[in-house]
Amino acid sequence: MTPNVMPAAGEPTPARFANPLLRLLAATRPPFLLVTLTGCLIGIASAHADGVPPDALLAALTILAALSMHAGGNVLNDYYDARSGADAANSGRIFPYTGGSRFIQNGVLTTRATALLGWGLLAAAIPPGLWLALHSGPVLLAIGAAGLLLAWAYTAPPFQLVSRGLGELAVAACWLLVVVGADYVQRGTLAWTPVAAGVSFALLVAALLYINQFPDHDGDAVAGKHTLVVRLGPERAKWGYFAIVVIAYGWLILQVGRESLPQVAAGAAIAIVLSLNAARELREHASDPARLGRGIRLTIGAALIHGVLLAALLAFNWR
């Protein structure tokens, strides 16, 4: 496939990913899978916090299935954004955070190969998911089906949730399902603890999607991808980020206050320092998104630090 734009510094090229296995692995955007790993850890820890002894095999299979679903969602997102023209039109991207993986645009993978990889990864999550459902309970089938549906419908027609201004809601729902599903596998029943623990983390992941839409604004608008930032415009939309993170940390403190989470879990709110610094970066550079690299990195750090801290605090503080 002939690249339609000159690759920017650091972007993938056919020469860089000549090894076919490395090429397929890199197309899944492995660093971003850390978010799903963190969500699984929160779910496993929330069950442990309620006195459920952790099962290592179940935890490993849960993580495998969740990572496969996330990787498939990443690849299909690239595929559908290539079909819509959103990534090709994105000249303001901040690689590797926004504008997709660039594997299609830079000629590293064909559109067809990208689609096959994405669907294959989603399919690969089904066998471990079915085994886990047989062990833990049928509710896991509904959780897994909802996750697969959201991963597909995020950019795929006819739903195209992100183009309808529902991307943040879909992302928050996906990562809350990761936490609830990981807890359910360990516990064998539904409980409130993973919801209490998972909402703040899920919202911080949604905040990452939200800030990433600012550099992508022009390309998304040209392609008819009507994200919230496209709909509101950068100057109005910048306040939405602040609202998301305030709700996220407010939820955590509320759940601690209601004793749905142990008091020590409030320590995970320390990540608000990073979130508020990211909000300041966005407030200052919303209309100059080329300068948002630091804000995006702070947002990634806030989600991961909050999630890892929350998992650790839950794991080592039984009720």
Protein backbone atom coordinates (compact mmCIF):
# COMPACT_ATOMS: atom_id res chain seq x y z
CA MET A 1 0.00 0.00 0.00
CA THR A 2 1.34 3.44 -0.89
CA PRO A 3 1.47 5.85 2.03
CA ASN A 4 -0.71 8.90 1.50
CA VAL A 5 1.39 11.16 3.72
CA MET A 6 5.04 11.37 4.65
CA PRO A 7 5.55 9.63 8.01
CA ALA A 8 6.43 12.01 10.83
CA ALA A 9 9.36 11.38 13.14
CA GLY A 10 8.84 8.28 15.25
CA GLU A 11 5.93 6.95 13.23
CA PRO A 12 5.95 3.35 11.96
CA THR A 13 7.41 2.53 8.55
CA PRO A 14 7.62 -0.75 6.60
CA ALA A 15 11.39 -0.87 7.09
CA ARG A 16 11.08 -0.42 10.86
CA PHE A 17 8.57 -3.26 11.17
CA ALA A 18 9.90 -5.71 8.60
CA ASN A 19 9.42 -8.59 11.05
CA PRO A 20 5.78 -9.72 10.53
CA LEU A 21 5.19 -10.76 14.15
CA LEU A 22 6.60 -7.53 15.51
CA ARG A 23 4.49 -5.63 12.99
CA LEU A 24 1.27 -7.29 14.16
CA LEU A 25 2.14 -6.83 17.82
CA ALA A 26 3.01 -3.16 17.39
CA ALA A 27 -0.24 -2.53 15.49
CA THR A 28 -2.16 -3.27 18.71
CA ARG A 29 -0.42 -0.28 20.40
CA PRO A 30 0.89 -2.30 23.39
CA PRO A 31 1.71 0.64 25.72
CA PHE A 32 -1.96 1.62 25.81
CA LEU A 33 -2.92 -1.88 26.92
CA LEU A 34 -1.53 -0.98 30.34
CA VAL A 35 -4.84 0.76 30.98
CA THR A 36 -6.72 -2.54 30.66
CA LEU A 37 -4.16 -4.40 32.76
CA THR A 38 -4.69 -1.78 35.47
CA GLY A 39 -8.46 -2.17 35.26
CA CYS A 40 -8.13 -5.92 35.73
CA LEU A 41 -5.93 -5.39 38.78
CA ILE A 42 -8.53 -3.10 40.33
CA GLY A 43 -11.24 -5.72 39.82
CA ILE A 44 -9.13 -8.54 41.26
CA ALA A 45 -8.17 -6.34 44.21
CA SER A 46 -11.77 -5.28 44.88
CA ALA A 47 -12.78 -8.92 45.31
CA HIS A 48 -9.76 -9.49 47.54
CA ALA A 49 -10.74 -6.44 49.63
CA ASP A 50 -14.01 -8.19 50.42
CA GLY A 51 -12.15 -11.29 51.58
CA VAL A 52 -12.11 -13.36 48.37
CA PRO A 53 -8.77 -15.20 48.06
CA PRO A 54 -7.25 -14.41 44.64
CA ASP A 55 -7.11 -17.23 42.10
CA ALA A 56 -3.99 -16.78 39.96
CA LEU A 57 -5.21 -18.88 37.02
CA LEU A 58 -8.53 -17.06 36.82
CA ALA A 59 -6.72 -13.73 37.08
CA ALA A 60 -4.31 -14.63 34.28
CA LEU A 61 -7.09 -15.75 31.92
CA THR A 62 -9.11 -12.64 32.75
CA ILE A 63 -6.17 -10.41 31.87
CA LEU A 64 -5.53 -12.38 28.65
CA ALA A 65 -9.14 -12.04 27.49
CA ALA A 66 -9.38 -8.36 28.42
CA LEU A 67 -6.08 -7.48 26.71
CA SER A 68 -7.16 -9.33 23.57
CA MET A 69 -10.42 -7.37 23.46
CA HIS A 70 -8.66 -4.05 24.01
CA ALA A 71 -6.04 -4.83 21.37
CA GLY A 72 -8.75 -5.80 18.90
CA GLY A 73 -10.64 -2.61 19.64
CA ASN A 74 -7.49 -0.55 19.03
CA VAL A 75 -6.87 -2.19 15.66
CA LEU A 76 -10.49 -1.93 14.51
CA ASN A 77 -10.51 1.72 15.54
CA ASP A 78 -7.60 2.24 13.14
CA TYR A 79 -9.43 0.32 10.43
CA TYR A 80 -12.66 2.31 10.65
CA ASP A 81 -10.85 5.63 11.01
CA ALA A 82 -8.94 4.77 7.85
CA ARG A 83 -12.20 3.98 6.04
CA SER A 84 -13.77 7.25 7.18
CA GLY A 85 -10.67 9.25 6.25
CA ALA A 86 -10.30 10.67 9.77
CA ASP A 87 -6.72 9.51 10.30
CA ALA A 88 -5.59 10.41 6.76
CA ALA A 89 -6.91 13.95 7.26
CA ASN A 90 -5.28 14.31 10.66
CA SER A 91 -2.31 16.61 10.13
CA GLY A 92 -2.38 17.94 13.71
CA ARG A 93 -1.82 14.61 15.42
CA ILE A 94 0.58 14.17 18.33
CA PHE A 95 2.10 10.74 17.73
CA PRO A 96 1.90 8.25 19.39
CA TYR A 97 -1.00 9.59 21.43
CA THR A 98 -3.45 10.77 18.77
CA GLY A 99 -4.19 10.20 15.11
CA GLY A 100 -4.15 6.41 15.28
CA SER A 101 -1.27 3.99 14.92
CA ARG A 102 -0.47 5.22 11.35
CA PHE A 103 0.11 1.62 10.24
CA ILE A 104 -2.36 1.94 7.37
CA GLN A 105 -1.50 5.52 6.41
CA ASN A 106 2.25 4.78 6.34
CA GLY A 107 1.92 1.55 4.38
CA VAL A 108 2.95 -0.83 7.16
CA LEU A 109 -0.30 -2.83 7.02
CA THR A 110 -3.01 -2.95 4.40
CA THR A 111 -6.55 -2.02 5.31
CA ARG A 112 -7.64 -5.63 4.85
CA ALA A 113 -4.84 -6.99 7.04
CA THR A 114 -5.76 -4.48 9.75
CA ALA A 115 -9.39 -5.58 9.69
CA LEU A 116 -8.45 -9.26 9.87
CA LEU A 117 -6.10 -8.61 12.79
CA GLY A 118 -8.73 -6.64 14.71
CA TRP A 119 -11.48 -9.23 14.25
CA GLY A 120 -9.02 -12.02 15.02
CA LEU A 121 -8.05 -10.43 18.32
CA LEU A 122 -11.68 -9.98 19.35
CA ALA A 123 -12.35 -13.62 18.42
CA ALA A 124 -9.32 -14.72 20.45
CA ALA A 125 -10.96 -13.32 23.59
CA ILE A 126 -13.94 -15.66 23.23
CA PRO A 127 -12.40 -19.06 24.25
CA PRO A 128 -10.90 -17.84 27.56
CA GLY A 129 -14.06 -15.82 28.14
CA LEU A 130 -16.26 -18.91 27.73
CA TRP A 131 -14.02 -20.95 30.03
CA LEU A 132 -14.18 -18.23 32.66
CA ALA A 133 -17.97 -18.03 32.31
CA LEU A 134 -18.27 -21.77 32.87
CA HIS A 135 -16.20 -21.43 36.02
CA SER A 136 -17.58 -18.19 37.43
CA GLY A 137 -21.14 -17.83 36.15
CA PRO A 138 -23.26 -16.88 33.13
CA VAL A 139 -23.33 -13.17 34.01
CA LEU A 140 -19.78 -12.99 32.64
CA LEU A 141 -21.19 -13.77 29.18
CA ALA A 142 -23.30 -10.60 29.34
CA ILE A 143 -20.33 -8.56 30.58
CA GLY A 144 -18.10 -9.92 27.82
CA ALA A 145 -20.74 -9.45 25.12
CA ALA A 146 -21.27 -5.85 26.21
CA GLY A 147 -17.51 -5.23 26.07
CA LEU A 148 -17.22 -6.75 22.58
CA LEU A 149 -20.18 -4.71 21.37
CA LEU A 150 -18.75 -1.45 22.69
CA ALA A 151 -15.29 -2.21 21.27
CA TRP A 152 -16.86 -2.70 17.84
CA ALA A 153 -19.52 0.04 17.97
CA TYR A 154 -17.08 2.71 19.14
CA THR A 155 -16.07 3.60 15.55
CA ALA A 156 -17.86 1.02 13.39
CA PRO A 157 -21.03 1.87 11.46
CA PRO A 158 -23.92 1.99 11.94
CA PHE A 159 -23.38 2.98 15.58
CA GLN A 160 -20.13 5.01 15.41
CA LEU A 161 -20.57 6.06 19.03
CA VAL A 162 -17.57 8.39 19.04
CA SER A 163 -19.01 10.26 16.04
CA ARG A 164 -22.25 10.80 17.92
CA GLY A 165 -20.57 12.46 20.90
CA LEU A 166 -20.90 9.24 22.93
CA GLY A 167 -17.25 8.20 22.84
CA GLU A 168 -16.48 9.19 26.40
CA LEU A 169 -19.52 7.37 27.74
CA ALA A 170 -18.61 4.25 25.73
CA VAL A 171 -15.00 4.30 26.94
CA ALA A 172 -16.01 4.79 30.58
CA ALA A 173 -18.49 1.92 30.25
CA CYS A 174 -15.85 -0.34 28.69
CA TRP A 175 -13.33 0.12 31.47
CA LEU A 176 -15.93 -0.13 34.18
CA LEU A 177 -16.90 -3.48 32.61
CA VAL A 178 -13.24 -4.53 32.80
CA VAL A 179 -13.19 -3.87 36.55
CA VAL A 180 -16.59 -5.46 37.20
CA GLY A 181 -15.77 -8.46 35.03
CA ALA A 182 -12.41 -9.10 36.71
CA ASP A 183 -14.10 -8.91 40.11
CA TYR A 184 -16.93 -11.21 39.01
CA VAL A 185 -14.52 -13.90 37.83
CA GLN A 186 -12.90 -13.98 41.27
CA ARG A 187 -16.07 -13.57 43.32
CA GLY A 188 -18.58 -15.54 41.23
CA THR A 189 -21.33 -12.98 41.83
CA LEU A 190 -22.03 -9.32 41.20
CA ALA A 191 -21.13 -6.82 43.91
CA TRP A 192 -21.07 -3.07 44.48
CA THR A 193 -17.38 -2.84 45.46
CA PRO A 194 -15.99 -3.05 41.89
CA VAL A 195 -18.45 -0.36 40.77
CA ALA A 196 -17.46 1.85 43.69
CA ALA A 197 -13.80 1.34 42.83
CA GLY A 198 -14.10 1.30 39.05
CA VAL A 199 -16.05 4.43 38.18
CA SER A 200 -13.28 6.88 39.07
CA PHE A 201 -10.73 4.91 37.07
CA ALA A 202 -13.09 4.53 34.10
CA LEU A 203 -13.75 8.28 34.05
CA LEU A 204 -10.02 9.05 34.09
CA VAL A 205 -9.60 6.76 31.07
CA ALA A 206 -12.45 8.66 29.39
CA ALA A 207 -10.58 11.89 30.17
CA LEU A 208 -7.67 10.55 28.12
CA LEU A 209 -9.94 10.01 25.13
CA TYR A 210 -11.34 13.50 25.66
CA ILE A 211 -8.04 15.38 25.68
CA ASN A 212 -6.84 13.35 22.69
CA GLN A 213 -9.72 14.74 20.65
CA PHE A 214 -8.25 18.24 20.67
CA PRO A 215 -5.26 17.52 18.38
CA ASP A 216 -7.58 15.35 16.26
CA HIS A 217 -10.24 18.06 15.99
CA ASP A 218 -9.59 19.23 12.44
CA GLY A 219 -9.21 15.76 10.93
CA ASP A 220 -12.29 14.51 12.75
CA ALA A 221 -14.34 17.48 11.55
CA VAL A 222 -13.30 16.96 7.91
CA ALA A 223 -14.20 13.26 8.12
CA GLY A 224 -17.57 13.92 9.74
CA LYS A 225 -16.47 12.40 13.03
CA HIS A 226 -18.56 14.53 15.37
CA THR A 227 -16.84 14.02 18.69
CA LEU A 228 -17.75 16.18 21.67
CA VAL A 229 -14.79 18.45 20.94
CA VAL A 230 -15.93 18.89 17.33
CA ARG A 231 -19.50 19.54 18.45
CA LEU A 232 -18.61 22.05 21.17
CA GLY A 233 -15.49 23.61 19.69
CA PRO A 234 -12.13 23.59 21.53
CA GLU A 235 -12.70 26.68 23.67
CA ARG A 236 -15.99 25.47 25.10
CA ALA A 237 -15.00 21.82 25.19
CA LYS A 238 -11.91 22.42 27.34
CA TRP A 239 -14.11 22.80 30.43
CA GLY A 240 -15.49 19.32 29.88
CA TYR A 241 -12.14 17.81 30.85
CA PHE A 242 -12.24 19.56 34.21
CA ALA A 243 -15.79 18.30 34.78
CA ILE A 244 -14.80 14.69 34.04
CA VAL A 245 -11.88 14.63 36.46
CA VAL A 246 -13.79 16.41 39.24
CA ILE A 247 -16.59 13.84 38.95
CA ALA A 248 -14.02 11.01 38.95
CA TYR A 249 -12.29 12.02 42.17
CA GLY A 250 -15.55 13.17 43.73
CA TRP A 251 -16.97 9.68 43.14
CA LEU A 252 -14.00 8.07 44.87
CA ILE A 253 -14.30 10.29 47.95
CA LEU A 254 -18.07 9.76 48.04
CA GLN A 255 -17.66 5.98 48.04
CA VAL A 256 -15.08 6.16 50.80
CA GLY A 257 -17.43 8.41 52.78
CA ARG A 258 -20.27 5.94 52.29
CA GLU A 259 -17.93 3.13 53.44
CA SER A 260 -18.36 1.35 50.11
CA LEU A 261 -14.56 1.44 49.95
CA PRO A 262 -12.04 1.32 52.80
CA GLN A 263 -10.82 4.72 53.97
CA VAL A 264 -7.31 4.03 52.77
CA ALA A 265 -8.60 3.92 49.17
CA ALA A 266 -8.89 7.71 49.31
CA GLY A 267 -5.10 7.74 48.91
CA ALA A 268 -5.59 7.03 45.20
CA ALA A 269 -6.96 10.58 44.89
CA ILE A 270 -3.36 11.85 45.00
CA ALA A 271 -3.40 11.50 41.21
CA ILE A 272 -5.61 14.59 41.12
CA VAL A 273 -2.40 16.63 41.15
CA LEU A 274 -1.60 15.29 37.68
CA SER A 275 -5.17 15.66 36.46
CA LEU A 276 -5.44 19.29 37.50
CA ASN A 277 -2.10 20.09 35.88
CA ALA A 278 -3.38 18.46 32.70
CA ALA A 279 -6.57 20.54 32.95
CA ARG A 280 -4.45 23.67 33.19
CA GLU A 281 -2.47 22.65 30.10
CA LEU A 282 -5.70 22.11 28.21
CA ARG A 283 -7.17 25.40 29.39
CA GLU A 284 -4.11 27.24 28.09
CA HIS A 285 -3.61 25.34 24.82
CA ALA A 286 -7.06 24.13 23.73
CA SER A 287 -6.84 26.20 20.54
CA ASP A 288 -3.16 25.33 20.02
CA PRO A 289 -3.33 21.54 20.36
CA ALA A 290 0.20 20.98 19.08
CA ARG A 291 1.29 22.02 22.59
CA LEU A 292 -0.88 19.45 24.39
CA GLY A 293 1.71 16.66 24.54
CA ARG A 294 2.48 17.34 28.19
CA GLY A 295 -1.21 17.48 29.10
CA ILE A 296 -1.82 14.13 27.40
CA ARG A 297 1.12 12.53 29.22
CA LEU A 298 -0.15 13.90 32.53
CA THR A 299 -3.59 12.45 31.78
CA ILE A 300 -2.11 9.02 31.05
CA GLY A 301 -0.06 9.21 34.23
CA ALA A 302 -3.08 10.22 36.31
CA ALA A 303 -5.18 7.27 35.10
CA LEU A 304 -2.41 4.72 35.61
CA ILE A 305 -1.18 6.04 38.96
CA HIS A 306 -4.73 6.33 40.28
CA GLY A 307 -5.58 2.82 39.11
CA VAL A 308 -2.42 1.12 40.36
CA LEU A 309 -2.62 2.88 43.72
CA LEU A 310 -6.29 2.00 44.09
CA ALA A 311 -5.60 -1.66 43.29
CA ALA A 312 -2.71 -1.82 45.76
CA LEU A 313 -4.65 -0.08 48.53
CA LEU A 314 -7.61 -2.40 48.07
CA ALA A 315 -5.44 -5.51 47.89
CA PHE A 316 -3.66 -4.84 51.15
CA ASN A 317 -6.61 -3.55 53.19
CA TRP A 318 -9.24 -6.20 53.74
CA ARG A 319 -12.48 -5.13 55.37
